[in-house]
PDB file of N, CA and C in Angstrom:
ATOM      1  N   MET A   1      45.615 127.424 110.943  1.00  0.00           N
ATOM      2  CA  MET A   1      44.348 127.500 110.272  1.00  0.00           C
ATOM      3  C   MET A   1      44.288 128.736 109.381  1.00  0.00           C
ATOM      4  N   LYS A   2      44.860 129.807 109.863  1.00  0.00           N
ATOM      5  CA  LYS A   2      44.864 131.038 109.066  1.00  0.00           C
ATOM      6  C   LYS A   2      45.601 130.806 107.746  1.00  0.00           C
ATOM      7  N   ASN A   3      46.758 130.161 107.831  1.00  0.00           N
ATOM      8  CA  ASN A   3      47.531 129.894 106.617  1.00  0.00           C
ATOM      9  C   ASN A   3      46.822 128.905 105.704  1.00  0.00           C
ATOM     10  N   LYS A   4      46.199 127.884 106.297  1.00  0.00           N
ATOM     11  CA  LYS A   4      45.450 126.921 105.481  1.00  0.00           C
ATOM     12  C   LYS A   4      44.326 127.629 104.723  1.00  0.00           C
ATOM     13  N   THR A   5      43.672 128.545 105.384  1.00  0.00           N
ATOM     14  CA  THR A   5      42.589 129.281 104.732  1.00  0.00           C
ATOM     15  C   THR A   5      43.138 130.132 103.595  1.00  0.00           C
ATOM     16  N   LYS A   6      44.233 130.828 103.843  1.00  0.00           N
ATOM     17  CA  LYS A   6      44.833 131.672 102.808  1.00  0.00           C
ATOM     18  C   LYS A   6      45.283 130.853 101.605  1.00  0.00           C
ATOM     19  N   ARG A   7      45.755 129.632 101.864  1.00  0.00           N
ATOM     20  CA  ARG A   7      46.247 128.782 100.778  1.00  0.00           C
ATOM     21  C   ARG A   7      45.141 127.906 100.180  1.00  0.00           C
ATOM     22  N   ASN A   8      43.906 128.131 100.612  1.00  0.00           N
ATOM     23  CA  ASN A   8      42.750 127.349 100.122  1.00  0.00           C
ATOM     24  C   ASN A   8      42.949 125.851 100.305  1.00  0.00           C
ATOM     25  N   GLU A   9      43.467 125.457 101.452  1.00  0.00           N
ATOM     26  CA  GLU A   9      43.736 124.047 101.709  1.00  0.00           C
ATOM     27  C   GLU A   9      42.526 123.290 102.226  1.00  0.00           C
ATOM     28  N   TYR A  10      41.508 123.993 102.678  1.00  0.00           N
ATOM     29  CA  TYR A  10      40.314 123.300 103.150  1.00  0.00           C
ATOM     30  C   TYR A  10      39.479 122.894 101.954  1.00  0.00           C
ATOM     31  N   LYS A  11      39.311 121.590 101.775  1.00  0.00           N
ATOM     32  CA  LYS A  11      38.559 121.069 100.630  1.00  0.00           C
ATOM     33  C   LYS A  11      37.063 121.001 100.911  1.00  0.00           C
ATOM     34  N   ASN A  12      36.709 120.994 102.200  1.00  0.00           N
ATOM     35  CA  ASN A  12      35.296 120.962 102.574  1.00  0.00           C
ATOM     36  C   ASN A  12      35.132 121.449 104.011  1.00  0.00           C
ATOM     37  N   SER A  13      33.886 121.629 104.395  1.00  0.00           N
ATOM     38  CA  SER A  13      33.612 122.165 105.730  1.00  0.00           C
ATOM     39  C   SER A  13      34.039 121.191 106.819  1.00  0.00           C
ATOM     40  N   GLN A  14      33.995 119.897 106.537  1.00  0.00           N
ATOM     41  CA  GLN A  14      34.393 118.905 107.535  1.00  0.00           C
ATOM     42  C   GLN A  14      35.870 119.041 107.885  1.00  0.00           C
ATOM     43  N   ASP A  15      36.716 119.290 106.897  1.00  0.00           N
ATOM     44  CA  ASP A  15      38.142 119.502 107.165  1.00  0.00           C
ATOM     45  C   ASP A  15      38.347 120.685 108.104  1.00  0.00           C
ATOM     46  N   PHE A  16      37.601 121.751 107.851  1.00  0.00           N
ATOM     47  CA  PHE A  16      37.692 122.942 108.697  1.00  0.00           C
ATOM     48  C   PHE A  16      37.245 122.625 110.121  1.00  0.00           C
ATOM     49  N   LEU A  17      36.110 121.955 110.254  1.00  0.00           N
ATOM     50  CA  LEU A  17      35.601 121.627 111.589  1.00  0.00           C
ATOM     51  C   LEU A  17      36.531 120.674 112.333  1.00  0.00           C
ATOM     52  N   GLU A  18      37.207 119.796 111.615  1.00  0.00           N
ATOM     53  CA  GLU A  18      38.166 118.901 112.263  1.00  0.00           C
ATOM     54  C   GLU A  18      39.336 119.677 112.845  1.00  0.00           C
ATOM     55  N   ASP A  19      39.794 120.717 112.162  1.00  0.00           N
ATOM     56  CA  ASP A  19      40.872 121.545 112.705  1.00  0.00           C
ATOM     57  C   ASP A  19      40.396 122.342 113.916  1.00  0.00           C
ATOM     58  N   ILE A  20      39.161 122.804 113.882  1.00  0.00           N
ATOM     59  CA  ILE A  20      38.599 123.505 115.046  1.00  0.00           C
ATOM     60  C   ILE A  20      38.569 122.557 116.243  1.00  0.00           C
ATOM     61  N   GLU A  21      38.125 121.323 116.000  1.00  0.00           N
ATOM     62  CA  GLU A  21      38.067 120.329 117.073  1.00  0.00           C
ATOM     63  C   GLU A  21      39.460 120.020 117.614  1.00  0.00           C
ATOM     64  N   LEU A  22      40.439 119.885 116.725  1.00  0.00           N
ATOM     65  CA  LEU A  22      41.821 119.631 117.138  1.00  0.00           C
ATOM     66  C   LEU A  22      42.343 120.777 118.002  1.00  0.00           C
ATOM     67  N   MET A  23      42.045 121.993 117.598  1.00  0.00           N
ATOM     68  CA  MET A  23      42.464 123.152 118.380  1.00  0.00           C
ATOM     69  C   MET A  23      41.859 123.097 119.783  1.00  0.00           C
ATOM     70  N   ARG A  24      40.567 122.777 119.854  1.00  0.00           N
ATOM     71  CA  ARG A  24      39.891 122.709 121.149  1.00  0.00           C
ATOM     72  C   ARG A  24      40.502 121.620 122.024  1.00  0.00           C
ATOM     73  N   ARG A  25      40.738 120.454 121.436  1.00  0.00           N
ATOM     74  CA  ARG A  25      41.334 119.361 122.212  1.00  0.00           C
ATOM     75  C   ARG A  25      42.723 119.744 122.723  1.00  0.00           C
ATOM     76  N   ASN A  26      43.507 120.399 121.883  1.00  0.00           N
ATOM     77  CA  ASN A  26      44.853 120.813 122.293  1.00  0.00           C
ATOM     78  C   ASN A  26      44.815 121.823 123.428  1.00  0.00           C
ATOM     79  N   THR A  27      43.863 122.747 123.381  1.00  0.00           N
ATOM     80  CA  THR A  27      43.792 123.712 124.484  1.00  0.00           C
ATOM     81  C   THR A  27      43.474 123.010 125.789  1.00  0.00           C
ATOM     82  N   GLN A  28      42.634 121.985 125.733  1.00  0.00           N
ATOM     83  CA  GLN A  28      42.284 121.251 126.951  1.00  0.00           C
ATOM     84  C   GLN A  28      43.459 120.419 127.458  1.00  0.00           C
ATOM     85  N   ILE A  29      44.185 119.808 126.536  1.00  0.00           N
ATOM     86  CA  ILE A  29      45.337 118.985 126.931  1.00  0.00           C
ATOM     87  C   ILE A  29      46.415 119.845 127.572  1.00  0.00           C
ATOM     88  N   TYR A  30      46.736 120.984 126.953  1.00  0.00           N
ATOM     89  CA  TYR A  30      47.865 121.788 127.409  1.00  0.00           C
ATOM     90  C   TYR A  30      47.523 122.845 128.441  1.00  0.00           C
ATOM     91  N   ASN A  31      46.240 123.199 128.572  1.00  0.00           N
ATOM     92  CA  ASN A  31      45.857 124.244 129.507  1.00  0.00           C
ATOM     93  C   ASN A  31      44.854 123.787 130.559  1.00  0.00           C
ATOM     94  N   GLY A  32      44.260 122.629 130.365  1.00  0.00           N
ATOM     95  CA  GLY A  32      43.223 122.151 131.276  1.00  0.00           C
ATOM     96  C   GLY A  32      41.845 122.597 130.792  1.00  0.00           C
ATOM     97  N   GLU A  33      40.841 121.813 131.130  1.00  0.00           N
ATOM     98  CA  GLU A  33      39.496 122.065 130.632  1.00  0.00           C
ATOM     99  C   GLU A  33      38.880 123.361 131.146  1.00  0.00           C
ATOM    100  N   LEU A  34      39.301 123.824 132.312  1.00  0.00           N
ATOM    101  CA  LEU A  34      38.682 125.009 132.907  1.00  0.00           C
ATOM    102  C   LEU A  34      39.427 126.306 132.611  1.00  0.00           C
ATOM    103  N   HIS A  35      40.548 126.195 131.937  1.00  0.00           N
ATOM    104  CA  HIS A  35      41.322 127.393 131.595  1.00  0.00           C
ATOM    105  C   HIS A  35      40.496 128.287 130.659  1.00  0.00           C
ATOM    106  N   PRO A  36      40.605 129.613 130.808  1.00  0.00           N
ATOM    107  CA  PRO A  36      39.823 130.520 129.950  1.00  0.00           C
ATOM    108  C   PRO A  36      40.014 130.280 128.447  1.00  0.00           C
ATOM    109  N   ILE A  37      41.216 129.912 128.047  1.00  0.00           N
ATOM    110  CA  ILE A  37      41.446 129.630 126.623  1.00  0.00           C
ATOM    111  C   ILE A  37      40.655 128.396 126.196  1.00  0.00           C
ATOM    112  N   SER A  38      40.619 127.385 127.050  1.00  0.00           N
ATOM    113  CA  SER A  38      39.854 126.182 126.741  1.00  0.00           C
ATOM    114  C   SER A  38      38.362 126.474 126.681  1.00  0.00           C
ATOM    115  N   VAL A  39      37.897 127.307 127.580  1.00  0.00           N
ATOM    116  CA  VAL A  39      36.476 127.694 127.574  1.00  0.00           C
ATOM    117  C   VAL A  39      36.140 128.418 126.269  1.00  0.00           C
ATOM    118  N   LEU A  40      37.003 129.340 125.861  1.00  0.00           N
ATOM    119  CA  LEU A  40      36.788 130.043 124.589  1.00  0.00           C
ATOM    120  C   LEU A  40      36.856 129.093 123.398  1.00  0.00           C
ATOM    121  N   ALA A  41      37.754 128.135 123.445  1.00  0.00           N
ATOM    122  CA  ALA A  41      37.873 127.159 122.356  1.00  0.00           C
ATOM    123  C   ALA A  41      36.596 126.324 122.250  1.00  0.00           C
ATOM    124  N   ASN A  42      36.021 125.955 123.390  1.00  0.00           N
ATOM    125  CA  ASN A  42      34.741 125.236 123.380  1.00  0.00           C
ATOM    126  C   ASN A  42      33.651 126.079 122.734  1.00  0.00           C
ATOM    127  N   GLU A  43      33.612 127.346 123.108  1.00  0.00           N
ATOM    128  CA  GLU A  43      32.606 128.250 122.538  1.00  0.00           C
ATOM    129  C   GLU A  43      32.810 128.425 121.037  1.00  0.00           C
ATOM    130  N   LEU A  44      34.061 128.550 120.616  1.00  0.00           N
ATOM    131  CA  LEU A  44      34.365 128.701 119.200  1.00  0.00           C
ATOM    132  C   LEU A  44      33.943 127.464 118.417  1.00  0.00           C
ATOM    133  N   GLU A  45      34.244 126.291 118.955  1.00  0.00           N
ATOM    134  CA  GLU A  45      33.855 125.057 118.273  1.00  0.00           C
ATOM    135  C   GLU A  45      32.334 124.958 118.147  1.00  0.00           C
ATOM    136  N   SER A  46      31.633 125.257 119.218  1.00  0.00           N
ATOM    137  CA  SER A  46      30.162 125.221 119.173  1.00  0.00           C
ATOM    138  C   SER A  46      29.622 126.206 118.152  1.00  0.00           C
ATOM    139  N   TYR A  47      30.184 127.396 118.137  1.00  0.00           N
ATOM    140  CA  TYR A  47      29.742 128.423 117.192  1.00  0.00           C
ATOM    141  C   TYR A  47      30.007 127.988 115.750  1.00  0.00           C
ATOM    142  N   ALA A  48      31.209 127.483 115.489  1.00  0.00           N
ATOM    143  CA  ALA A  48      31.564 127.055 114.132  1.00  0.00           C
ATOM    144  C   ALA A  48      30.633 125.949 113.659  1.00  0.00           C
ATOM    145  N   LYS A  49      30.367 124.973 114.522  1.00  0.00           N
ATOM    146  CA  LYS A  49      29.462 123.883 114.147  1.00  0.00           C
ATOM    147  C   LYS A  49      28.055 124.399 113.871  1.00  0.00           C
ATOM    148  N   SER A  50      27.584 125.328 114.677  1.00  0.00           N
ATOM    149  CA  SER A  50      26.223 125.838 114.471  1.00  0.00           C
ATOM    150  C   SER A  50      26.121 126.652 113.183  1.00  0.00           C
ATOM    151  N   VAL A  51      27.151 127.419 112.871  1.00  0.00           N
ATOM    152  CA  VAL A  51      27.130 128.201 111.624  1.00  0.00           C
ATOM    153  C   VAL A  51      27.168 127.272 110.415  1.00  0.00           C
ATOM    154  N   VAL A  52      28.042 126.284 110.451  1.00  0.00           N
ATOM    155  CA  VAL A  52      28.113 125.334 109.336  1.00  0.00           C
ATOM    156  C   VAL A  52      26.769 124.616 109.185  1.00  0.00           C
ATOM    157  N   GLN A  53      26.201 124.172 110.290  1.00  0.00           N
ATOM    158  CA  GLN A  53      24.929 123.461 110.221  1.00  0.00           C
ATOM    159  C   GLN A  53      23.817 124.352 109.669  1.00  0.00           C
ATOM    160  N   SER A  54      23.809 125.609 110.057  1.00  0.00           N
ATOM    161  CA  SER A  54      22.748 126.511 109.604  1.00  0.00           C
ATOM    162  C   SER A  54      22.871 126.855 108.119  1.00  0.00           C
ATOM    163  N   LYS A  55      24.049 126.669 107.558  1.00  0.00           N
ATOM    164  CA  LYS A  55      24.302 126.999 106.153  1.00  0.00           C
ATOM    165  C   LYS A  55      24.667 125.766 105.327  1.00  0.00           C
ATOM    166  N   ILE A  56      24.351 124.570 105.829  1.00  0.00           N
ATOM    167  CA  ILE A  56      24.858 123.342 105.234  1.00  0.00           C
ATOM    168  C   ILE A  56      24.451 123.168 103.774  1.00  0.00           C
ATOM    169  N   GLU A  57      23.239 123.522 103.423  1.00  0.00           N
ATOM    170  CA  GLU A  57      22.825 123.349 102.027  1.00  0.00           C
ATOM    171  C   GLU A  57      23.652 124.233 101.090  1.00  0.00           C
ATOM    172  N   GLU A  58      23.845 125.472 101.490  1.00  0.00           N
ATOM    173  CA  GLU A  58      24.653 126.393 100.686  1.00  0.00           C
ATOM    174  C   GLU A  58      26.103 125.909 100.606  1.00  0.00           C
ATOM    175  N   ILE A  59      26.627 125.455 101.719  1.00  0.00           N
ATOM    176  CA  ILE A  59      28.005 124.977 101.764  1.00  0.00           C
ATOM    177  C   ILE A  59      28.183 123.763 100.854  1.00  0.00           C
ATOM    178  N   LEU A  60      27.262 122.816 100.933  1.00  0.00           N
ATOM    179  CA  LEU A  60      27.370 121.622 100.093  1.00  0.00           C
ATOM    180  C   LEU A  60      27.280 121.966  98.617  1.00  0.00           C
ATOM    181  N   THR A  61      26.434 122.916  98.272  1.00  0.00           N
ATOM    182  CA  THR A  61      26.336 123.365  96.882  1.00  0.00           C
ATOM    183  C   THR A  61      27.658 123.965  96.424  1.00  0.00           C
ATOM    184  N   LEU A  62      28.235 124.818  97.240  1.00  0.00           N
ATOM    185  CA  LEU A  62      29.506 125.446  96.883  1.00  0.00           C
ATOM    186  C   LEU A  62      30.633 124.429  96.805  1.00  0.00           C
ATOM    187  N   GLU A  63      30.657 123.467  97.730  1.00  0.00           N
ATOM    188  CA  GLU A  63      31.680 122.436  97.703  1.00  0.00           C
ATOM    189  C   GLU A  63      31.581 121.609  96.414  1.00  0.00           C
ATOM    190  N   THR A  64      30.370 121.319  95.988  1.00  0.00           N
ATOM    191  CA  THR A  64      30.160 120.576  94.752  1.00  0.00           C
ATOM    192  C   THR A  64      30.671 121.364  93.555  1.00  0.00           C
ATOM    193  N   LEU A  65      30.365 122.655  93.534  1.00  0.00           N
ATOM    194  CA  LEU A  65      30.821 123.499  92.428  1.00  0.00           C
ATOM    195  C   LEU A  65      32.337 123.583  92.371  1.00  0.00           C
ATOM    196  N   VAL A  66      32.963 123.684  93.519  1.00  0.00           N
ATOM    197  CA  VAL A  66      34.427 123.747  93.577  1.00  0.00           C
ATOM    198  C   VAL A  66      35.034 122.458  93.057  1.00  0.00           C
ATOM    199  N   LYS A  67      34.450 121.316  93.418  1.00  0.00           N
ATOM    200  CA  LYS A  67      34.956 120.019  92.934  1.00  0.00           C
ATOM    201  C   LYS A  67      34.844 119.929  91.421  1.00  0.00           C
ATOM    202  N   GLU A  68      33.736 120.444  90.880  1.00  0.00           N
ATOM    203  CA  GLU A  68      33.528 120.384  89.440  1.00  0.00           C
ATOM    204  C   GLU A  68      34.535 121.245  88.685  1.00  0.00           C
ATOM    205  N   VAL A  69      34.870 122.396  89.236  1.00  0.00           N
ATOM    206  CA  VAL A  69      35.816 123.307  88.600  1.00  0.00           C
ATOM    207  C   VAL A  69      37.237 122.800  88.736  1.00  0.00           C
ATOM    208  N   GLY A  70      37.543 122.273  89.927  1.00  0.00           N
ATOM    209  CA  GLY A  70      38.908 121.844  90.237  1.00  0.00           C
ATOM    210  C   GLY A  70      39.223 120.566  89.598  1.00  0.00           C
TER     211      GLY A  70
END
């Protein structure tokens, strides 16, 4: 995800949230749902979704502008 961000590979907030979700699912598969890493991944996913939701209008405006320029 760090490299994708540096390379500007995320075309929209949904792509970013899908990678967060994938990360969370992988931590649960490989570490178990109660493992501390899985618990943190759940918290991170919840936080990311809440931040995106709280800024959705601004994000959609910026995504539109990026599409127009690109």
